Amino acid sequence: MSDMGRQSLGDKAGAALKPDSQKSYLEQGTDMLKGKADSAASTAQPESQKSFGQQIGDAVSGNQNQNSGSMMDKAKDALGINNNQATR
């Protein structure tokens, strides 16, 4: 379950596991917008008010806004399927 205004862990995983090369432009744009909105919500919500699941999700997805890259991005880089390398 996700916190109010946040993307669920299942949605994040689904978007991350499908390579960008297999997504339509609409899917890529939607994923980008959802990611930006989720990142903004993560920043606005204090850690003390996040559910345990959302804290874990933020750690895995890199929504801690420290520009360190997420574990998911690092895994995609290792597999050679991360097409968002220019944004880092």
PDB file of N, CA and C in Angstrom:
ATOM      1  N   MET A   1       0.841  -1.175   0.000  1.00  0.00           N
ATOM      2  CA  MET A   1       0.000   0.000   0.000  1.00  0.00           C
ATOM      3  C   MET A   1       0.886   1.237   0.000  1.00  0.00           C
ATOM      4  N   SER A   2       0.480   2.244  -0.737  1.00  0.00           N
ATOM      5  CA  SER A   2       1.266   3.468  -0.791  1.00  0.00           C
ATOM      6  C   SER A   2       0.610   4.553   0.047  1.00  0.00           C
ATOM      7  N   ASP A   3       1.405   5.513   0.446  1.00  0.00           N
ATOM      8  CA  ASP A   3       0.895   6.659   1.180  1.00  0.00           C
ATOM      9  C   ASP A   3       0.109   7.536   0.213  1.00  0.00           C
ATOM     10  N   MET A   4      -0.741   8.392   0.760  1.00  0.00           N
ATOM     11  CA  MET A   4      -1.585   9.255  -0.057  1.00  0.00           C
ATOM     12  C   MET A   4      -0.742  10.128  -0.987  1.00  0.00           C
ATOM     13  N   GLY A   5      -1.108  10.131  -2.266  1.00  0.00           N
ATOM     14  CA  GLY A   5      -0.385  10.931  -3.240  1.00  0.00           C
ATOM     15  C   GLY A   5       0.883  10.297  -3.757  1.00  0.00           C
ATOM     16  N   ARG A   6       1.162   9.071  -3.361  1.00  0.00           N
ATOM     17  CA  ARG A   6       2.400   8.397  -3.754  1.00  0.00           C
ATOM     18  C   ARG A   6       2.110   7.239  -4.690  1.00  0.00           C
ATOM     19  N   GLN A   7       3.075   6.888  -5.487  1.00  0.00           N
ATOM     20  CA  GLN A   7       2.980   5.762  -6.403  1.00  0.00           C
ATOM     21  C   GLN A   7       3.168   4.476  -5.599  1.00  0.00           C
ATOM     22  N   SER A   8       2.385   3.444  -5.919  1.00  0.00           N
ATOM     23  CA  SER A   8       2.532   2.181  -5.198  1.00  0.00           C
ATOM     24  C   SER A   8       3.831   1.499  -5.604  1.00  0.00           C
ATOM     25  N   LEU A   9       4.319   0.620  -4.744  1.00  0.00           N
ATOM     26  CA  LEU A   9       5.546  -0.102  -5.042  1.00  0.00           C
ATOM     27  C   LEU A   9       5.374  -0.987  -6.276  1.00  0.00           C
ATOM     28  N   GLY A  10       4.185  -1.546  -6.447  1.00  0.00           N
ATOM     29  CA  GLY A  10       3.910  -2.373  -7.626  1.00  0.00           C
ATOM     30  C   GLY A  10       3.974  -1.571  -8.912  1.00  0.00           C
ATOM     31  N   ASP A  11       3.431  -0.342  -8.883  1.00  0.00           N
ATOM     32  CA  ASP A  11       3.497   0.529 -10.060  1.00  0.00           C
ATOM     33  C   ASP A  11       4.938   0.903 -10.388  1.00  0.00           C
ATOM     34  N   LYS A  12       5.717   1.214  -9.346  1.00  0.00           N
ATOM     35  CA  LYS A  12       7.119   1.564  -9.553  1.00  0.00           C
ATOM     36  C   LYS A  12       7.881   0.388 -10.162  1.00  0.00           C
ATOM     37  N   ALA A  13       7.661  -0.793  -9.603  1.00  0.00           N
ATOM     38  CA  ALA A  13       8.363  -1.978 -10.097  1.00  0.00           C
ATOM     39  C   ALA A  13       7.962  -2.292 -11.535  1.00  0.00           C
ATOM     40  N   GLY A  14       6.687  -2.197 -11.825  1.00  0.00           N
ATOM     41  CA  GLY A  14       6.219  -2.473 -13.177  1.00  0.00           C
ATOM     42  C   GLY A  14       6.829  -1.536 -14.200  1.00  0.00           C
ATOM     43  N   ALA A  15       6.918  -0.267 -13.857  1.00  0.00           N
ATOM     44  CA  ALA A  15       7.494   0.725 -14.763  1.00  0.00           C
ATOM     45  C   ALA A  15       8.996   0.518 -14.927  1.00  0.00           C
ATOM     46  N   ALA A  16       9.659   0.132 -13.846  1.00  0.00           N
ATOM     47  CA  ALA A  16      11.112  -0.011 -13.883  1.00  0.00           C
ATOM     48  C   ALA A  16      11.567  -1.285 -14.588  1.00  0.00           C
ATOM     49  N   LEU A  17      10.772  -2.326 -14.514  1.00  0.00           N
ATOM     50  CA  LEU A  17      11.195  -3.605 -15.070  1.00  0.00           C
ATOM     51  C   LEU A  17      11.043  -3.700 -16.582  1.00  0.00           C
ATOM     52  N   LYS A  18      10.202  -2.869 -17.162  1.00  0.00           N
ATOM     53  CA  LYS A  18      10.021  -2.888 -18.613  1.00  0.00           C
ATOM     54  C   LYS A  18      11.011  -1.899 -19.236  1.00  0.00           C
ATOM     55  N   PRO A  19      11.900  -2.367 -20.110  1.00  0.00           N
ATOM     56  CA  PRO A  19      12.882  -1.455 -20.716  1.00  0.00           C
ATOM     57  C   PRO A  19      12.201  -0.343 -21.499  1.00  0.00           C
ATOM     58  N   ASP A  20      12.796   0.839 -21.469  1.00  0.00           N
ATOM     59  CA  ASP A  20      12.237   1.987 -22.188  1.00  0.00           C
ATOM     60  C   ASP A  20      12.106   1.693 -23.679  1.00  0.00           C
ATOM     61  N   SER A  21      13.004   0.867 -24.217  1.00  0.00           N
ATOM     62  CA  SER A  21      12.955   0.558 -25.646  1.00  0.00           C
ATOM     63  C   SER A  21      11.698  -0.215 -26.025  1.00  0.00           C
ATOM     64  N   GLN A  22      11.023  -0.812 -25.042  1.00  0.00           N
ATOM     65  CA  GLN A  22       9.796  -1.567 -25.299  1.00  0.00           C
ATOM     66  C   GLN A  22       8.548  -0.779 -24.930  1.00  0.00           C
ATOM     67  N   LYS A  23       8.719   0.471 -24.525  1.00  0.00           N
ATOM     68  CA  LYS A  23       7.588   1.314 -24.137  1.00  0.00           C
ATOM     69  C   LYS A  23       7.256   2.287 -25.254  1.00  0.00           C
ATOM     70  N   SER A  24       5.986   2.623 -25.361  1.00  0.00           N
ATOM     71  CA  SER A  24       5.576   3.666 -26.299  1.00  0.00           C
ATOM     72  C   SER A  24       5.998   5.022 -25.726  1.00  0.00           C
ATOM     73  N   TYR A  25       5.956   6.035 -26.569  1.00  0.00           N
ATOM     74  CA  TYR A  25       6.283   7.382 -26.085  1.00  0.00           C
ATOM     75  C   TYR A  25       5.313   7.810 -24.987  1.00  0.00           C
ATOM     76  N   LEU A  26       4.051   7.401 -25.117  1.00  0.00           N
ATOM     77  CA  LEU A  26       3.059   7.734 -24.096  1.00  0.00           C
ATOM     78  C   LEU A  26       3.417   7.086 -22.766  1.00  0.00           C
ATOM     79  N   GLU A  27       3.812   5.799 -22.792  1.00  0.00           N
ATOM     80  CA  GLU A  27       4.210   5.109 -21.555  1.00  0.00           C
ATOM     81  C   GLU A  27       5.428   5.775 -20.929  1.00  0.00           C
ATOM     82  N   GLN A  28       6.406   6.124 -21.756  1.00  0.00           N
ATOM     83  CA  GLN A  28       7.614   6.765 -21.240  1.00  0.00           C
ATOM     84  C   GLN A  28       7.284   8.114 -20.599  1.00  0.00           C
ATOM     85  N   GLY A  29       6.436   8.885 -21.263  1.00  0.00           N
ATOM     86  CA  GLY A  29       6.039  10.190 -20.723  1.00  0.00           C
ATOM     87  C   GLY A  29       5.254  10.054 -19.429  1.00  0.00           C
ATOM     88  N   THR A  30       4.337   9.078 -19.404  1.00  0.00           N
ATOM     89  CA  THR A  30       3.540   8.841 -18.203  1.00  0.00           C
ATOM     90  C   THR A  30       4.430   8.415 -17.045  1.00  0.00           C
ATOM     91  N   ASP A  31       5.368   7.502 -17.307  1.00  0.00           N
ATOM     92  CA  ASP A  31       6.298   7.061 -16.267  1.00  0.00           C
ATOM     93  C   ASP A  31       7.112   8.231 -15.728  1.00  0.00           C
ATOM     94  N   MET A  32       7.577   9.096 -16.642  1.00  0.00           N
ATOM     95  CA  MET A  32       8.379  10.244 -16.220  1.00  0.00           C
ATOM     96  C   MET A  32       7.558  11.180 -15.328  1.00  0.00           C
ATOM     97  N   LEU A  33       6.327  11.494 -15.766  1.00  0.00           N
ATOM     98  CA  LEU A  33       5.488  12.399 -14.980  1.00  0.00           C
ATOM     99  C   LEU A  33       5.134  11.811 -13.619  1.00  0.00           C
ATOM    100  N   LYS A  34       4.788  10.519 -13.591  1.00  0.00           N
ATOM    101  CA  LYS A  34       4.469   9.865 -12.317  1.00  0.00           C
ATOM    102  C   LYS A  34       5.684   9.849 -11.403  1.00  0.00           C
ATOM    103  N   GLY A  35       6.845   9.607 -11.975  1.00  0.00           N
ATOM    104  CA  GLY A  35       8.076   9.593 -11.187  1.00  0.00           C
ATOM    105  C   GLY A  35       8.390  10.946 -10.586  1.00  0.00           C
ATOM    106  N   LYS A  36       8.226  12.002 -11.395  1.00  0.00           N
ATOM    107  CA  LYS A  36       8.475  13.365 -10.893  1.00  0.00           C
ATOM    108  C   LYS A  36       7.486  13.736  -9.793  1.00  0.00           C
ATOM    109  N   ALA A  37       6.213  13.380 -10.000  1.00  0.00           N
ATOM    110  CA  ALA A  37       5.197  13.679  -8.985  1.00  0.00           C
ATOM    111  C   ALA A  37       5.467  12.902  -7.701  1.00  0.00           C
ATOM    112  N   ASP A  38       5.869  11.642  -7.840  1.00  0.00           N
ATOM    113  CA  ASP A  38       6.164  10.828  -6.668  1.00  0.00           C
ATOM    114  C   ASP A  38       7.388  11.365  -5.927  1.00  0.00           C
ATOM    115  N   SER A  39       8.384  11.799  -6.689  1.00  0.00           N
ATOM    116  CA  SER A  39       9.582  12.366  -6.077  1.00  0.00           C
ATOM    117  C   SER A  39       9.255  13.653  -5.314  1.00  0.00           C
ATOM    118  N   ALA A  40       8.397  14.487  -5.897  1.00  0.00           N
ATOM    119  CA  ALA A  40       7.990  15.725  -5.214  1.00  0.00           C
ATOM    120  C   ALA A  40       7.214  15.407  -3.943  1.00  0.00           C
ATOM    121  N   ALA A  41       6.319  14.410  -4.020  1.00  0.00           N
ATOM    122  CA  ALA A  41       5.550  14.017  -2.835  1.00  0.00           C
ATOM    123  C   ALA A  41       6.468  13.436  -1.770  1.00  0.00           C
ATOM    124  N   SER A  42       7.489  12.697  -2.202  1.00  0.00           N
ATOM    125  CA  SER A  42       8.455  12.127  -1.263  1.00  0.00           C
ATOM    126  C   SER A  42       9.207  13.223  -0.521  1.00  0.00           C
ATOM    127  N   THR A  43       9.591  14.254  -1.266  1.00  0.00           N
ATOM    128  CA  THR A  43      10.329  15.365  -0.674  1.00  0.00           C
ATOM    129  C   THR A  43       9.457  16.145   0.311  1.00  0.00           C
ATOM    130  N   ALA A  44       8.198  16.324  -0.048  1.00  0.00           N
ATOM    131  CA  ALA A  44       7.294  17.119   0.786  1.00  0.00           C
ATOM    132  C   ALA A  44       6.861  16.397   2.051  1.00  0.00           C
ATOM    133  N   GLN A  45       6.879  15.078   2.033  1.00  0.00           N
ATOM    134  CA  GLN A  45       6.393  14.309   3.177  1.00  0.00           C
ATOM    135  C   GLN A  45       7.544  13.975   4.132  1.00  0.00           C
ATOM    136  N   PRO A  46       7.449  14.381   5.387  1.00  0.00           N
ATOM    137  CA  PRO A  46       8.502  14.070   6.358  1.00  0.00           C
ATOM    138  C   PRO A  46       8.648  12.549   6.546  1.00  0.00           C
ATOM    139  N   GLU A  47       9.878  12.112   6.762  1.00  0.00           N
ATOM    140  CA  GLU A  47      10.148  10.682   6.978  1.00  0.00           C
ATOM    141  C   GLU A  47       9.285  10.120   8.111  1.00  0.00           C
ATOM    142  N   SER A  48       9.050  10.917   9.136  1.00  0.00           N
ATOM    143  CA  SER A  48       8.285  10.439  10.294  1.00  0.00           C
ATOM    144  C   SER A  48       6.834  10.133   9.955  1.00  0.00           C
ATOM    145  N   GLN A  49       6.337  10.662   8.827  1.00  0.00           N
ATOM    146  CA  GLN A  49       4.951  10.431   8.434  1.00  0.00           C
ATOM    147  C   GLN A  49       4.804   9.381   7.340  1.00  0.00           C
ATOM    148  N   LYS A  50       5.909   8.811   6.888  1.00  0.00           N
ATOM    149  CA  LYS A  50       5.867   7.794   5.838  1.00  0.00           C
ATOM    150  C   LYS A  50       5.662   6.422   6.454  1.00  0.00           C
ATOM    151  N   SER A  51       4.907   5.602   5.738  1.00  0.00           N
ATOM    152  CA  SER A  51       4.758   4.215   6.181  1.00  0.00           C
ATOM    153  C   SER A  51       6.090   3.497   5.987  1.00  0.00           C
ATOM    154  N   PHE A  52       6.252   2.371   6.680  1.00  0.00           N
ATOM    155  CA  PHE A  52       7.488   1.603   6.550  1.00  0.00           C
ATOM    156  C   PHE A  52       7.694   1.176   5.100  1.00  0.00           C
ATOM    157  N   GLY A  53       6.623   0.736   4.454  1.00  0.00           N
ATOM    158  CA  GLY A  53       6.708   0.319   3.061  1.00  0.00           C
ATOM    159  C   GLY A  53       7.155   1.443   2.149  1.00  0.00           C
ATOM    160  N   GLN A  54       6.663   2.655   2.391  1.00  0.00           N
ATOM    161  CA  GLN A  54       7.045   3.785   1.561  1.00  0.00           C
ATOM    162  C   GLN A  54       8.493   4.175   1.817  1.00  0.00           C
ATOM    163  N   GLN A  55       8.963   4.054   3.049  1.00  0.00           N
ATOM    164  CA  GLN A  55      10.369   4.336   3.340  1.00  0.00           C
ATOM    165  C   GLN A  55      11.276   3.376   2.575  1.00  0.00           C
ATOM    166  N   ILE A  56      10.893   2.095   2.553  1.00  0.00           N
ATOM    167  CA  ILE A  56      11.659   1.090   1.816  1.00  0.00           C
ATOM    168  C   ILE A  56      11.608   1.415   0.321  1.00  0.00           C
ATOM    169  N   GLY A  57      10.415   1.720  -0.179  1.00  0.00           N
ATOM    170  CA  GLY A  57      10.261   2.067  -1.587  1.00  0.00           C
ATOM    171  C   GLY A  57      11.098   3.265  -1.989  1.00  0.00           C
ATOM    172  N   ASP A  58      11.156   4.278  -1.138  1.00  0.00           N
ATOM    173  CA  ASP A  58      11.963   5.459  -1.420  1.00  0.00           C
ATOM    174  C   ASP A  58      13.446   5.102  -1.461  1.00  0.00           C
ATOM    175  N   ALA A  59      13.878   4.238  -0.560  1.00  0.00           N
ATOM    176  CA  ALA A  59      15.280   3.834  -0.542  1.00  0.00           C
ATOM    177  C   ALA A  59      15.640   3.064  -1.813  1.00  0.00           C
ATOM    178  N   VAL A  60      14.755   2.183  -2.248  1.00  0.00           N
ATOM    179  CA  VAL A  60      15.015   1.374  -3.442  1.00  0.00           C
ATOM    180  C   VAL A  60      14.934   2.212  -4.702  1.00  0.00           C
ATOM    181  N   SER A  61      13.954   3.104  -4.775  1.00  0.00           N
ATOM    182  CA  SER A  61      13.761   3.883  -6.002  1.00  0.00           C
ATOM    183  C   SER A  61      14.599   5.147  -6.059  1.00  0.00           C
ATOM    184  N   GLY A  62      15.288   5.482  -5.003  1.00  0.00           N
ATOM    185  CA  GLY A  62      16.134   6.664  -5.004  1.00  0.00           C
ATOM    186  C   GLY A  62      15.375   7.946  -4.745  1.00  0.00           C
ATOM    187  N   ASN A  63      14.178   7.869  -4.202  1.00  0.00           N
ATOM    188  CA  ASN A  63      13.379   9.066  -3.939  1.00  0.00           C
ATOM    189  C   ASN A  63      13.804   9.780  -2.673  1.00  0.00           C
ATOM    190  N   GLN A  64      15.048   9.652  -2.329  1.00  0.00           N
ATOM    191  CA  GLN A  64      15.550  10.377  -1.176  1.00  0.00           C
ATOM    192  C   GLN A  64      16.162  11.703  -1.614  1.00  0.00           C
ATOM    193  N   ASN A  65      16.122  11.949  -2.926  1.00  0.00           N
ATOM    194  CA  ASN A  65      16.556  13.209  -3.517  1.00  0.00           C
ATOM    195  C   ASN A  65      17.968  13.607  -3.113  1.00  0.00           C
ATOM    196  N   GLN A  66      18.872  12.642  -3.182  1.00  0.00           N
ATOM    197  CA  GLN A  66      20.264  12.918  -2.863  1.00  0.00           C
ATOM    198  C   GLN A  66      21.149  12.774  -4.098  1.00  0.00           C
ATOM    199  N   ASN A  67      20.528  12.659  -5.271  1.00  0.00           N
ATOM    200  CA  ASN A  67      21.238  12.536  -6.542  1.00  0.00           C
ATOM    201  C   ASN A  67      22.251  11.404  -6.554  1.00  0.00           C
ATOM    202  N   SER A  68      21.987  10.348  -5.792  1.00  0.00           N
ATOM    203  CA  SER A  68      22.910   9.231  -5.752  1.00  0.00           C
ATOM    204  C   SER A  68      22.497   8.110  -6.686  1.00  0.00           C
ATOM    205  N   GLY A  69      21.347   8.223  -7.320  1.00  0.00           N
ATOM    206  CA  GLY A  69      20.871   7.157  -8.186  1.00  0.00           C
ATOM    207  C   GLY A  69      20.216   6.067  -7.365  1.00  0.00           C
ATOM    208  N   SER A  70      19.188   5.489  -7.909  1.00  0.00           N
ATOM    209  CA  SER A  70      18.478   4.451  -7.170  1.00  0.00           C
ATOM    210  C   SER A  70      19.129   3.097  -7.383  1.00  0.00           C
ATOM    211  N   MET A  71      18.818   2.156  -6.508  1.00  0.00           N
ATOM    212  CA  MET A  71      19.294   0.795  -6.682  1.00  0.00           C
ATOM    213  C   MET A  71      18.713   0.218  -7.962  1.00  0.00           C
ATOM    214  N   MET A  72      17.473   0.600  -8.302  1.00  0.00           N
ATOM    215  CA  MET A  72      16.850   0.109  -9.524  1.00  0.00           C
ATOM    216  C   MET A  72      17.616   0.627 -10.744  1.00  0.00           C
ATOM    217  N   ASP A  73      18.009   1.913 -10.743  1.00  0.00           N
ATOM    218  CA  ASP A  73      18.787   2.455 -11.856  1.00  0.00           C
ATOM    219  C   ASP A  73      20.142   1.773 -11.963  1.00  0.00           C
ATOM    220  N   LYS A  74      20.770   1.502 -10.835  1.00  0.00           N
ATOM    221  CA  LYS A  74      22.068   0.819 -10.862  1.00  0.00           C
ATOM    222  C   LYS A  74      21.934  -0.588 -11.437  1.00  0.00           C
ATOM    223  N   ALA A  75      20.858  -1.280 -11.092  1.00  0.00           N
ATOM    224  CA  ALA A  75      20.619  -2.615 -11.640  1.00  0.00           C
ATOM    225  C   ALA A  75      20.358  -2.535 -13.138  1.00  0.00           C
ATOM    226  N   LYS A  76      19.562  -1.545 -13.564  1.00  0.00           N
ATOM    227  CA  LYS A  76      19.287  -1.377 -14.996  1.00  0.00           C
ATOM    228  C   LYS A  76      20.564  -1.011 -15.750  1.00  0.00           C
ATOM    229  N   ASP A  77      21.430  -0.191 -15.142  1.00  0.00           N
ATOM    230  CA  ASP A  77      22.711   0.142 -15.766  1.00  0.00           C
ATOM    231  C   ASP A  77      23.554  -1.114 -15.954  1.00  0.00           C
ATOM    232  N   ALA A  78      23.590  -1.950 -14.939  1.00  0.00           N
ATOM    233  CA  ALA A  78      24.378  -3.173 -15.005  1.00  0.00           C
ATOM    234  C   ALA A  78      23.876  -4.109 -16.096  1.00  0.00           C
ATOM    235  N   LEU A  79      22.564  -4.109 -16.318  1.00  0.00           N
ATOM    236  CA  LEU A  79      21.976  -4.958 -17.354  1.00  0.00           C
ATOM    237  C   LEU A  79      21.972  -4.284 -18.722  1.00  0.00           C
ATOM    238  N   GLY A  80      22.327  -3.010 -18.755  1.00  0.00           N
ATOM    239  CA  GLY A  80      22.370  -2.277 -20.012  1.00  0.00           C
ATOM    240  C   GLY A  80      21.009  -1.884 -20.549  1.00  0.00           C
ATOM    241  N   ILE A  81      20.000  -1.780 -19.670  1.00  0.00           N
ATOM    242  CA  ILE A  81      18.667  -1.426 -20.146  1.00  0.00           C
ATOM    243  C   ILE A  81      18.214  -0.060 -19.671  1.00  0.00           C
ATOM    244  N   ASN A  82      19.091   0.703 -19.049  1.00  0.00           N
ATOM    245  CA  ASN A  82      18.707   2.024 -18.555  1.00  0.00           C
ATOM    246  C   ASN A  82      18.943   3.059 -19.634  1.00  0.00           C
ATOM    247  N   ASN A  83      17.866   3.613 -20.170  1.00  0.00           N
ATOM    248  CA  ASN A  83      17.980   4.621 -21.232  1.00  0.00           C
ATOM    249  C   ASN A  83      17.932   6.032 -20.696  1.00  0.00           C
ATOM    250  N   ASN A  84      17.900   6.213 -19.386  1.00  0.00           N
ATOM    251  CA  ASN A  84      17.768   7.551 -18.787  1.00  0.00           C
ATOM    252  C   ASN A  84      19.103   8.035 -18.250  1.00  0.00           C
ATOM    253  N   GLN A  85      20.196   7.600 -18.813  1.00  0.00           N
ATOM    254  CA  GLN A  85      21.518   7.952 -18.292  1.00  0.00           C
ATOM    255  C   GLN A  85      21.836   9.431 -18.448  1.00  0.00           C
ATOM    256  N   ALA A  86      21.213  10.095 -19.401  1.00  0.00           N
ATOM    257  CA  ALA A  86      21.494  11.512 -19.620  1.00  0.00           C
ATOM    258  C   ALA A  86      20.897  12.389 -18.530  1.00  0.00           C
ATOM    259  N   THR A  87      19.972  11.849 -17.737  1.00  0.00           N
ATOM    260  CA  THR A  87      19.318  12.664 -16.714  1.00  0.00           C
ATOM    261  C   THR A  87      20.079  12.669 -15.411  1.00  0.00           C
ATOM    262  N   ARG A  88      21.174  11.947 -15.335  1.00  0.00           N
ATOM    263  CA  ARG A  88      21.927  11.918 -14.089  1.00  0.00           C
ATOM    264  C   ARG A  88      23.193  12.683 -14.190  1.00  0.00           C
TER     265      ARG A  88
END
